[in-house]
Protein backbone atom coordinates (compact mmCIF):
# COMPACT_ATOMS: atom_id res chain seq x y z
CA MET A 1 -2.02 -7.59 13.05
CA ALA A 2 -2.69 -11.36 13.28
CA GLY A 3 -1.40 -13.57 10.36
CA VAL A 4 1.31 -10.72 9.07
CA PRO A 5 4.63 -12.12 8.14
CA GLY A 6 7.72 -10.16 9.29
CA LEU A 7 10.81 -8.82 7.56
CA PHE A 8 12.97 -6.99 10.25
CA ASP A 9 14.70 -10.31 11.53
CA PRO A 10 17.45 -12.67 10.15
CA ALA A 11 15.49 -15.37 10.91
CA HIS A 12 13.14 -14.28 8.43
CA LEU A 13 15.23 -14.90 5.43
CA THR A 14 14.92 -18.73 5.51
CA GLY A 15 11.75 -18.79 4.74
CA TRP A 16 11.51 -16.03 2.50
CA LYS A 17 14.35 -17.83 0.17
CA HIS A 18 12.13 -20.44 -0.49
CA VAL A 19 9.47 -18.14 -1.45
CA THR A 20 11.46 -16.05 -3.47
CA GLU A 21 13.09 -19.03 -5.23
CA ALA A 22 10.22 -21.17 -6.42
CA VAL A 23 8.30 -18.08 -8.02
CA HIS A 24 11.80 -17.96 -9.87
CA ALA A 25 11.47 -21.58 -10.88
CA LYS A 26 8.07 -20.63 -12.71
CA GLY A 27 10.00 -17.67 -14.13
CA GLY A 28 8.19 -14.64 -12.13
CA TYR A 29 9.29 -12.14 -10.59
CA ILE A 30 8.61 -10.94 -6.98
CA TYR A 31 8.85 -7.55 -5.18
CA ALA A 32 8.29 -7.46 -1.04
CA GLN A 33 6.42 -4.74 -0.07
CA LEU A 34 7.26 -2.94 3.15
CA TRP A 35 4.17 -2.10 5.04
CA HIS A 36 4.31 0.09 8.30
CA ALA A 37 0.95 0.59 9.48
CA GLY A 38 1.71 3.49 11.80
CA ARG A 39 -0.93 4.28 13.98
CA THR A 40 -3.40 1.93 12.29
CA THR A 41 -1.49 -1.14 14.46
CA ILE A 42 -1.59 -0.78 19.06
CA GLU A 43 0.11 -2.26 21.67
CA PRO A 44 -2.39 -4.83 22.17
CA PHE A 45 -1.67 -6.60 19.10
CA SER A 46 2.53 -5.81 18.73
CA GLY A 47 3.04 -5.42 22.17
CA LYS A 48 4.49 -1.75 21.52
CA PRO A 49 3.65 1.67 21.30
CA SER A 50 1.90 2.86 17.78
CA VAL A 51 3.70 5.68 15.93
CA ALA A 52 2.44 7.93 13.87
CA PRO A 53 3.71 12.12 12.79
CA SER A 54 1.24 12.75 15.43
CA VAL A 55 -1.17 12.03 18.32
CA VAL A 56 -4.01 11.63 16.18
CA PRO A 57 -6.00 8.30 16.70
CA LEU A 58 -8.51 6.76 14.97
CA GLU A 59 -11.98 7.16 16.33
CA GLY A 60 -15.56 6.74 15.31
CA PRO A 61 -17.26 3.32 14.32
CA GLU A 62 -13.96 2.89 12.32
CA GLY A 63 -11.82 3.36 15.28
CA ILE A 64 -12.78 0.06 16.25
CA THR A 65 -10.41 -3.58 16.12
CA GLY A 66 -11.95 -5.89 13.74
CA ARG A 67 -10.17 -8.54 15.71
CA THR A 68 -9.84 -8.86 19.36
CA PRO A 69 -6.29 -8.91 20.56
CA PRO A 70 -4.93 -11.70 22.68
CA GLY A 71 -6.31 -11.78 26.20
CA TYR A 72 -8.87 -9.14 25.98
CA PRO A 73 -12.47 -10.49 26.00
CA GLY A 74 -13.58 -8.13 22.76
CA PRO A 75 -12.03 -5.99 20.14
CA VAL A 76 -10.92 -2.77 21.47
CA LYS A 77 -10.88 1.48 20.57
CA TYR A 78 -7.92 2.67 18.99
CA ALA A 79 -8.67 5.77 20.84
CA ASP A 80 -7.65 4.08 24.06
CA PHE A 81 -4.73 3.11 22.68
CA PRO A 82 -3.26 6.38 20.81
CA PRO A 83 -0.14 6.24 18.97
CA ILE A 84 3.13 8.88 20.06
CA GLU A 85 4.31 11.48 17.54
CA LEU A 86 7.27 10.21 15.98
CA THR A 87 10.54 12.83 17.41
CA LYS A 88 13.03 13.87 14.40
CA ASN A 89 15.43 10.90 15.54
CA HIS A 90 12.29 8.02 15.75
CA ILE A 91 12.06 9.41 11.95
CA LYS A 92 15.24 8.90 11.07
CA SER A 93 15.56 5.42 13.02
CA THR A 94 12.45 4.09 11.07
CA ILE A 95 13.67 4.57 7.40
CA SER A 96 16.54 2.85 8.73
CA ASP A 97 14.41 -0.10 9.30
CA TYR A 98 12.96 0.54 5.97
CA CYS A 99 16.95 -0.02 4.88
CA ASN A 100 17.51 -2.60 6.87
CA ALA A 101 14.23 -4.11 5.71
CA ALA A 102 14.92 -3.70 2.08
CA LYS A 103 18.59 -4.93 2.11
CA MET A 104 17.45 -8.33 3.89
CA ALA A 105 14.93 -8.66 0.88
CA ILE A 106 17.42 -8.33 -1.22
CA GLU A 107 19.31 -11.23 0.10
CA ALA A 108 16.23 -13.02 0.65
CA GLY A 109 16.27 -13.15 -3.21
CA PHE A 110 12.68 -10.22 -3.18
CA ASP A 111 13.52 -8.40 -7.38
CA GLY A 112 13.23 -5.38 -5.44
CA VAL A 113 10.88 -3.89 -2.62
CA GLU A 114 7.52 -1.49 -2.92
CA VAL A 115 6.73 0.64 0.05
CA HIS A 116 3.26 0.94 0.61
CA GLY A 117 2.74 4.51 0.45
CA GLY A 118 -1.10 4.29 0.51
CA ASN A 119 -4.41 3.06 2.44
CA GLY A 120 -3.88 5.35 5.29
CA TYR A 121 -0.55 3.48 6.42
CA LEU A 122 2.56 5.55 7.90
CA PRO A 123 3.90 7.47 5.10
CA GLU A 124 0.02 8.35 4.07
CA GLN A 125 -0.38 9.47 7.64
CA PHE A 126 2.35 12.09 6.59
CA LEU A 127 0.75 12.82 3.40
CA SER A 128 -3.27 13.75 5.11
CA SER A 129 -3.11 16.98 6.10
CA ASN A 130 -5.91 15.59 8.88
CA ILE A 131 -3.64 12.83 10.51
CA ASN A 132 -0.27 14.88 10.46
CA LYS A 133 -0.51 17.71 12.59
CA ARG A 134 2.86 18.53 12.47
CA THR A 135 4.31 22.20 12.72
CA ASP A 136 7.92 21.27 12.02
CA GLU A 137 9.67 20.85 8.77
CA TYR A 138 7.79 17.17 8.40
CA GLY A 139 3.88 19.74 8.54
CA GLY A 140 2.27 22.39 8.07
CA SER A 141 1.50 22.43 4.39
CA PRO A 142 1.55 19.84 1.46
CA GLU A 143 5.18 20.40 0.53
CA LYS A 144 6.35 19.60 4.24
CA ARG A 145 3.64 16.73 4.51
CA CYS A 146 5.74 15.08 1.65
CA ARG A 147 9.27 15.32 2.98
CA PHE A 148 9.04 11.81 5.09
CA VAL A 149 7.97 10.16 2.23
CA ILE A 150 10.79 11.49 0.12
CA GLU A 151 13.19 11.20 2.47
CA LEU A 152 12.53 7.65 2.74
CA MET A 153 12.85 6.84 -1.02
CA ASN A 154 15.55 8.57 -1.38
CA SER A 155 17.28 6.42 1.80
CA LEU A 156 15.60 2.98 -0.31
CA ALA A 157 17.49 3.75 -3.15
CA ASN A 158 20.62 4.52 -1.62
CA ALA A 159 20.66 1.53 0.20
CA ILE A 160 19.75 -1.08 -2.06
CA GLY A 161 19.52 1.37 -5.93
CA GLN A 162 17.05 2.95 -7.36
CA GLU A 163 16.36 0.32 -9.94
CA ASN A 164 14.85 -2.01 -6.98
CA CYS A 165 12.52 0.95 -5.64
CA ALA A 166 8.91 1.01 -5.82
CA ILE A 167 6.06 2.74 -4.25
CA ARG A 168 2.22 2.24 -4.41
CA LEU A 169 0.04 5.02 -2.97
CA SER A 170 -3.80 6.27 -3.01
CA PRO A 171 -3.72 10.04 -4.15
CA PHE A 172 -7.64 9.33 -3.79
CA GLY A 173 -7.79 6.77 -0.66
CA LEU A 174 -10.06 6.69 2.45
CA PHE A 175 -9.17 4.01 4.17
CA ASN A 176 -7.69 3.93 7.60
CA GLN A 177 -9.45 7.83 7.85
CA ALA A 178 -7.14 9.30 5.49
CA ARG A 179 -8.99 12.38 5.06
CA GLY A 180 -6.09 14.59 4.22
CA GLU A 181 -7.61 17.72 1.43
CA GLN A 182 -5.25 19.27 -1.13
CA ARG A 183 -4.85 16.03 -2.71
CA ILE A 184 -3.80 17.12 -6.35
CA ARG A 185 -0.87 20.10 -4.95
CA THR A 186 0.12 17.21 -2.20
CA TRP A 187 0.58 13.91 -4.76
CA SER A 188 1.45 16.24 -7.63
CA TYR A 189 4.63 17.95 -5.91
CA LEU A 190 5.11 14.36 -4.18
CA CYS A 191 5.52 12.77 -8.03
CA GLU A 192 7.62 15.64 -8.76
CA GLN A 193 9.97 15.21 -5.83
CA LEU A 194 9.94 11.34 -6.50
CA LYS A 195 10.87 11.99 -10.14
CA GLU A 196 13.61 13.97 -9.62
CA ASN A 197 15.11 12.38 -6.66
CA VAL A 198 14.58 8.75 -7.78
CA PRO A 199 14.59 9.14 -11.38
CA ASN A 200 15.48 5.45 -11.97
CA MET A 201 12.72 4.08 -9.68
CA SER A 202 11.33 0.70 -10.63
CA TYR A 203 7.82 1.75 -11.11
CA ILE A 204 4.90 3.85 -9.18
CA SER A 205 1.34 1.78 -8.17
CA LEU A 206 -1.59 4.16 -7.61
CA ILE A 207 -5.26 3.02 -6.82
CA GLU A 208 -7.67 4.83 -9.22
CA PRO A 209 -9.75 7.57 -7.27
CA ARG A 210 -12.80 6.40 -7.89
CA TYR A 211 -12.34 3.02 -5.75
CA GLU A 212 -12.58 2.63 -2.66
CA GLN A 213 -12.12 -0.57 0.11
CA ILE A 214 -15.03 0.45 2.21
CA HIS A 215 -16.98 2.99 1.03
CA SER A 216 -19.38 2.84 -2.34
CA CYS A 217 -18.96 4.68 -5.36
CA ALA A 218 -21.49 7.14 -4.50
CA GLU A 219 -19.77 7.54 -0.81
CA LYS A 220 -16.64 8.59 -2.82
CA ASP A 221 -17.83 10.47 -5.12
CA LYS A 222 -19.35 13.00 -2.51
CA PHE A 223 -15.73 13.34 -1.19
CA LEU A 224 -14.51 13.72 -4.32
CA SER A 225 -16.97 16.30 -4.97
CA SER A 226 -16.33 17.73 -1.33
CA TRP A 227 -12.82 18.42 -2.87
CA GLY A 228 -13.98 20.44 -5.43
CA LEU A 229 -12.97 17.48 -7.98
CA ASP A 230 -15.46 16.41 -10.84
CA PRO A 231 -15.81 12.41 -10.43
CA SER A 232 -16.90 11.98 -13.80
CA THR A 233 -13.36 13.06 -15.06
CA ILE A 234 -11.03 12.53 -12.42
CA ASN A 235 -8.25 10.46 -13.52
CA LEU A 236 -4.28 9.83 -13.19
CA LYS A 237 -3.58 10.98 -16.15
CA PHE A 238 -1.94 14.20 -14.55
CA LEU A 239 0.46 12.40 -12.34
CA ARG A 240 1.26 9.86 -15.39
CA LYS A 241 2.68 12.75 -16.84
CA ILE A 242 4.21 13.77 -14.31
CA MET A 243 6.36 10.43 -14.06
CA GLY A 244 6.76 10.59 -17.47
CA ASP A 245 8.43 7.09 -18.91
CA THR A 246 8.96 6.05 -15.15
CA PRO A 247 6.61 2.31 -15.44
CA PHE A 248 3.29 3.66 -14.34
CA LEU A 249 1.14 0.64 -12.81
CA SER A 250 -2.71 1.10 -11.95
CA ALA A 251 -5.02 -0.76 -8.87
CA GLY A 252 -8.51 -0.79 -8.24
CA GLY A 253 -11.11 -2.56 -9.67
CA TRP A 254 -9.47 -4.12 -12.79
CA ASN A 255 -11.08 -7.24 -14.02
CA ASP A 256 -11.91 -9.52 -17.27
CA THR A 257 -14.26 -7.02 -18.48
CA ASN A 258 -12.33 -4.00 -18.37
CA CYS A 259 -8.66 -4.70 -18.29
CA SER A 260 -8.07 -4.91 -21.65
CA GLU A 261 -9.45 -1.50 -23.01
CA ALA A 262 -7.62 0.33 -20.27
CA ILE A 263 -4.06 -1.47 -21.13
CA GLU A 264 -5.19 -0.54 -25.11
CA SER A 265 -5.77 2.93 -24.12
CA GLY A 266 -2.03 2.99 -23.58
CA ASP A 267 -2.89 5.57 -19.81
CA TYR A 268 -1.43 2.30 -17.79
CA ASP A 269 2.02 0.42 -18.11
CA ALA A 270 0.27 -2.47 -16.34
CA LEU A 271 -3.09 -3.22 -14.33
CA LEU A 272 -2.69 -4.80 -10.73
CA ILE A 273 -5.19 -7.58 -9.92
CA GLY A 274 -5.34 -9.07 -6.49
CA ARG A 275 -8.12 -10.37 -4.86
CA TYR A 276 -9.07 -12.18 -8.60
CA PHE A 277 -5.64 -13.68 -8.21
CA THR A 278 -6.44 -15.22 -4.83
CA SER A 279 -8.93 -17.71 -6.46
CA ASN A 280 -7.43 -17.80 -10.23
CA PRO A 281 -4.17 -19.31 -10.14
CA ASP A 282 -4.35 -19.10 -14.27
CA LEU A 283 -5.62 -15.51 -14.16
CA VAL A 284 -3.05 -14.62 -16.83
CA GLU A 285 -4.17 -17.08 -18.89
CA ARG A 286 -7.89 -16.78 -18.28
CA LEU A 287 -7.58 -13.19 -19.41
CA LYS A 288 -5.54 -14.25 -22.66
CA LEU A 289 -8.14 -17.05 -23.60
CA GLY A 290 -11.05 -14.37 -22.55
CA LYS A 291 -12.08 -17.22 -20.14
CA THR A 292 -14.95 -16.16 -16.69
CA LEU A 293 -12.80 -15.20 -13.83
CA ARG A 294 -13.63 -17.08 -10.89
CA MET A 295 -15.42 -14.88 -8.07
CA TYR A 296 -13.18 -14.73 -4.58
CA GLU A 297 -14.00 -15.54 -0.79
CA ARG A 298 -13.47 -11.88 0.55
CA ASP A 299 -14.03 -13.87 4.23
CA ARG A 300 -10.92 -15.41 3.54
CA PHE A 301 -8.80 -12.68 2.75
CA TYR A 302 -7.11 -12.30 6.02
CA GLY A 303 -6.14 -15.02 8.27
CA PRO A 304 -4.65 -17.00 10.18
CA PHE A 305 -7.14 -19.43 10.07
CA GLU A 306 -6.63 -23.22 11.20
CA ASP A 307 -7.23 -24.53 7.67
CA ARG A 308 -5.38 -22.00 6.03
CA TRP A 309 -5.13 -23.56 2.66
CA ARG A 310 -8.83 -22.81 2.05
CA GLY A 311 -9.72 -20.16 0.12
CA TYR A 312 -5.65 -19.67 -0.73
CA THR A 313 -4.64 -22.57 -2.94
CA ASP A 314 -7.22 -24.95 -3.32
CA TYR A 315 -8.41 -23.02 -6.47
CA PRO A 316 -8.84 -25.06 -9.93
CA CYS A 317 -7.42 -23.99 -12.94
CA TRP A 318 -9.78 -23.46 -15.68
CA ASN A 319 -8.66 -26.59 -17.50
CA GLU A 320 -9.19 -28.28 -13.93
């Protein structure tokens, strides 16, 4: 979609080096999140047909683009531009694309890469039974639906080293119409295989079960209940047990009112805060000192904007 930065052409390296050097100069670490949107991007935006495990487009009220593609009078339906089903050779070339991006990330100075394996993007499209309708070795059962992600992480580990690879997962997510069932079995098997195949992975990042980007807690609880899960007790501990000593990170709903207790519980090695980081450049310091966090402006999250600094680099620190 518009405004998304690229990491697939050598020309991109110069710009990214400025970014990584600036982060390192402040004593920080930075990973490149490798994001393949699969069926959630379409030709009017990208100039190429979208791809997916199967020819299953986004549909219904959510199946309309949030933005107007160039040259179109208004938003368009995803169903009018259905994805192409990935062939086995195309799967191999897609994994190769990931590896090339990872190598460029390391060359650009990133400390590692994180595969975006959640939020209904390509890896999760393979994991989701409502999107992956394949009957070959990449679909048909929870174990087979995990194959693409396992092969991808193995290839990345071989390309840049296990310790430089990480993955983000949303085992109970609904975003982008990820409505697959057999959640516990699927993500348990996936994590078992990741731990076996990439034991020295840098970290695993997971989104909290009850957190959802669009749906309310009540709506999310209905989905969890429909899968035979108890919303009041469901948590990520079963995956923490599988991952053992792999650094275990959690995202989704953390803020200044709940993060300290969560860390002290020992259930997580770190918490991820994204939205509040946009509006609090001194977020870590505020958390340490118990200072109130400033609310973010959600309508400034996704550009591009002509005044692109507003709501991005113009928030004051607490002492200002």
